[in-house]
C-alpha atoms as a PDB file:
ATOM      1  CA  MET A   1     -16.132 110.430  51.653  1.00  0.00           C
ATOM      2  CA  ASN A   2     -17.809 113.393  53.136  1.00  0.00           C
ATOM      3  CA  THR A   3     -17.786 117.057  52.250  1.00  0.00           C
ATOM      4  CA  MET A   4     -15.454 118.015  55.089  1.00  0.00           C
ATOM      5  CA  PHE A   5     -12.714 115.777  53.692  1.00  0.00           C
ATOM      6  CA  TYR A   6     -12.907 117.531  50.316  1.00  0.00           C
ATOM      7  CA  ILE A   7     -12.837 120.945  51.963  1.00  0.00           C
ATOM      8  CA  PHE A   8      -9.805 119.910  54.012  1.00  0.00           C
ATOM      9  CA  CYS A   9      -8.005 118.680  50.876  1.00  0.00           C
ATOM     10  CA  ILE A  10      -8.690 121.921  48.997  1.00  0.00           C
ATOM     11  CA  VAL A  11      -7.478 124.033  51.910  1.00  0.00           C
ATOM     12  CA  ALA A  12      -4.346 121.889  52.244  1.00  0.00           C
ATOM     13  CA  VAL A  13      -3.547 122.257  48.532  1.00  0.00           C
ATOM     14  CA  VAL A  14      -4.022 126.035  48.669  1.00  0.00           C
ATOM     15  CA  PHE A  15      -1.770 126.441  51.707  1.00  0.00           C
ATOM     16  CA  THR A  16       0.878 124.185  50.180  1.00  0.00           C
ATOM     17  CA  ALA A  17       0.867 126.160  46.932  1.00  0.00           C
ATOM     18  CA  GLU A  18       1.190 129.467  48.812  1.00  0.00           C
ATOM     19  CA  THR A  19       4.068 128.115  50.873  1.00  0.00           C
ATOM     20  CA  ILE A  20       5.893 126.892  47.773  1.00  0.00           C
ATOM     21  CA  GLN A  21       5.444 130.299  46.107  1.00  0.00           C
ATOM     22  CA  LYS A  22       6.853 132.061  49.169  1.00  0.00           C
ATOM     23  CA  VAL A  23       9.871 129.741  49.279  1.00  0.00           C
ATOM     24  CA  ILE A  24      10.611 130.316  45.602  1.00  0.00           C
ATOM     25  CA  LYS A  25      10.265 134.085  46.053  1.00  0.00           C
ATOM     26  CA  MET A  26      12.649 134.041  49.021  1.00  0.00           C
ATOM     27  CA  LYS A  27      15.228 132.047  47.038  1.00  0.00           C
ATOM     28  CA  ASN A  28      15.061 134.525  44.162  1.00  0.00           C
ATOM     29  CA  GLU A  29      15.495 137.454  46.549  1.00  0.00           C
ATOM     30  CA  ALA A  30      18.461 135.726  48.171  1.00  0.00           C
ATOM     31  CA  LYS A  31      20.090 135.189  44.777  1.00  0.00           C
ATOM     32  CA  ARG A  32      19.522 138.819  43.873  1.00  0.00           C
ATOM     33  CA  ALA A  33      21.067 139.994  47.143  1.00  0.00           C
ATOM     34  CA  GLN A  34      24.123 137.775  46.683  1.00  0.00           C
ATOM     35  CA  ASP A  35      24.890 138.917  43.130  1.00  0.00           C
ATOM     36  CA  PRO A  36      26.271 142.474  43.113  1.00  0.00           C
ATOM     37  CA  GLU A  37      26.660 142.412  39.324  1.00  0.00           C
ATOM     38  CA  LEU A  38      22.938 141.787  38.979  1.00  0.00           C
ATOM     39  CA  GLU A  39      22.136 144.745  41.221  1.00  0.00           C
ATOM     40  CA  GLU A  40      24.473 146.950  39.205  1.00  0.00           C
ATOM     41  CA  THR A  41      22.852 145.837  35.956  1.00  0.00           C
ATOM     42  CA  LEU A  42      19.355 146.453  37.297  1.00  0.00           C
ATOM     43  CA  ALA A  43      20.368 149.938  38.435  1.00  0.00           C
ATOM     44  CA  GLN A  44      21.805 150.676  34.998  1.00  0.00           C
ATOM     45  CA  ILE A  45      18.600 149.478  33.336  1.00  0.00           C
ATOM     46  CA  GLU A  46      16.557 151.792  35.567  1.00  0.00           C
ATOM     47  CA  ARG A  47      18.764 154.764  34.620  1.00  0.00           C
ATOM     48  CA  LEU A  48      18.409 153.949  30.933  1.00  0.00           C
ATOM     49  CA  GLU A  49      14.639 153.629  31.253  1.00  0.00           C
ATOM     50  CA  GLU A  50      14.504 157.100  32.809  1.00  0.00           C
ATOM     51  CA  ARG A  51      16.581 158.523  29.964  1.00  0.00           C
ATOM     52  CA  ILE A  52      14.300 156.899  27.400  1.00  0.00           C
ATOM     53  CA  LYS A  53      11.243 158.400  29.121  1.00  0.00           C
ATOM     54  CA  VAL A  54      12.819 161.851  28.940  1.00  0.00           C
ATOM     55  CA  LEU A  55      13.671 161.408  25.263  1.00  0.00           C
ATOM     56  CA  GLU A  56      10.156 160.215  24.478  1.00  0.00           C
ATOM     57  CA  ARG A  57       8.717 163.235  26.246  1.00  0.00           C
ATOM     58  CA  ILE A  58      10.985 165.594  24.316  1.00  0.00           C
ATOM     59  CA  VAL A  59      10.149 164.060  20.954  1.00  0.00           C
ATOM     60  CA  THR A  60       6.404 163.981  21.564  1.00  0.00           C
ATOM     61  CA  GLU A  61       6.169 167.607  22.680  1.00  0.00           C
ATOM     62  CA  ASN A  62       4.255 169.823  20.262  1.00  0.00           C
ATOM     63  CA  LYS A  63       6.825 172.601  20.460  1.00  0.00           C
ATOM     64  CA  TYR A  64       9.667 170.309  19.505  1.00  0.00           C
ATOM     65  CA  ASP A  65      10.748 170.794  15.911  1.00  0.00           C
ATOM     66  CA  LEU A  66      13.365 168.240  14.920  1.00  0.00           C
ATOM     67  CA  SER A  67      14.367 169.881  11.679  1.00  0.00           C
ATOM     68  CA  ARG A  68      14.865 173.224  13.437  1.00  0.00           C
ATOM     69  CA  GLU A  69      17.046 171.626  16.072  1.00  0.00           C
ATOM     70  CA  ILE A  70      19.165 169.875  13.434  1.00  0.00           C
ATOM     71  CA  SER A  71      19.621 173.111  11.494  1.00  0.00           C
ATOM     72  CA  ASN A  72      20.680 174.841  14.710  1.00  0.00           C
ATOM     73  CA  LEU A  73      23.405 172.263  15.169  1.00  0.00           C
ATOM     74  CA  LYS A  74      24.931 173.058  11.741  1.00  0.00           C
END
């Protein structure tokens, strides 16, 4: 066997693997597009992540005094 045959085999394997990955990705995207409940859940998760980021920012601020805020609520 010569070197060109090995190069051809490697290139064929790489292209096949890329094609399989693209097909799997397209199937997953199609499933996501067909399932409205999944889209709704993902949107809700994004909203919750944003709220968590805001809460983390509030708690980690230097000016934020938790005990003072609790006493203000009483």
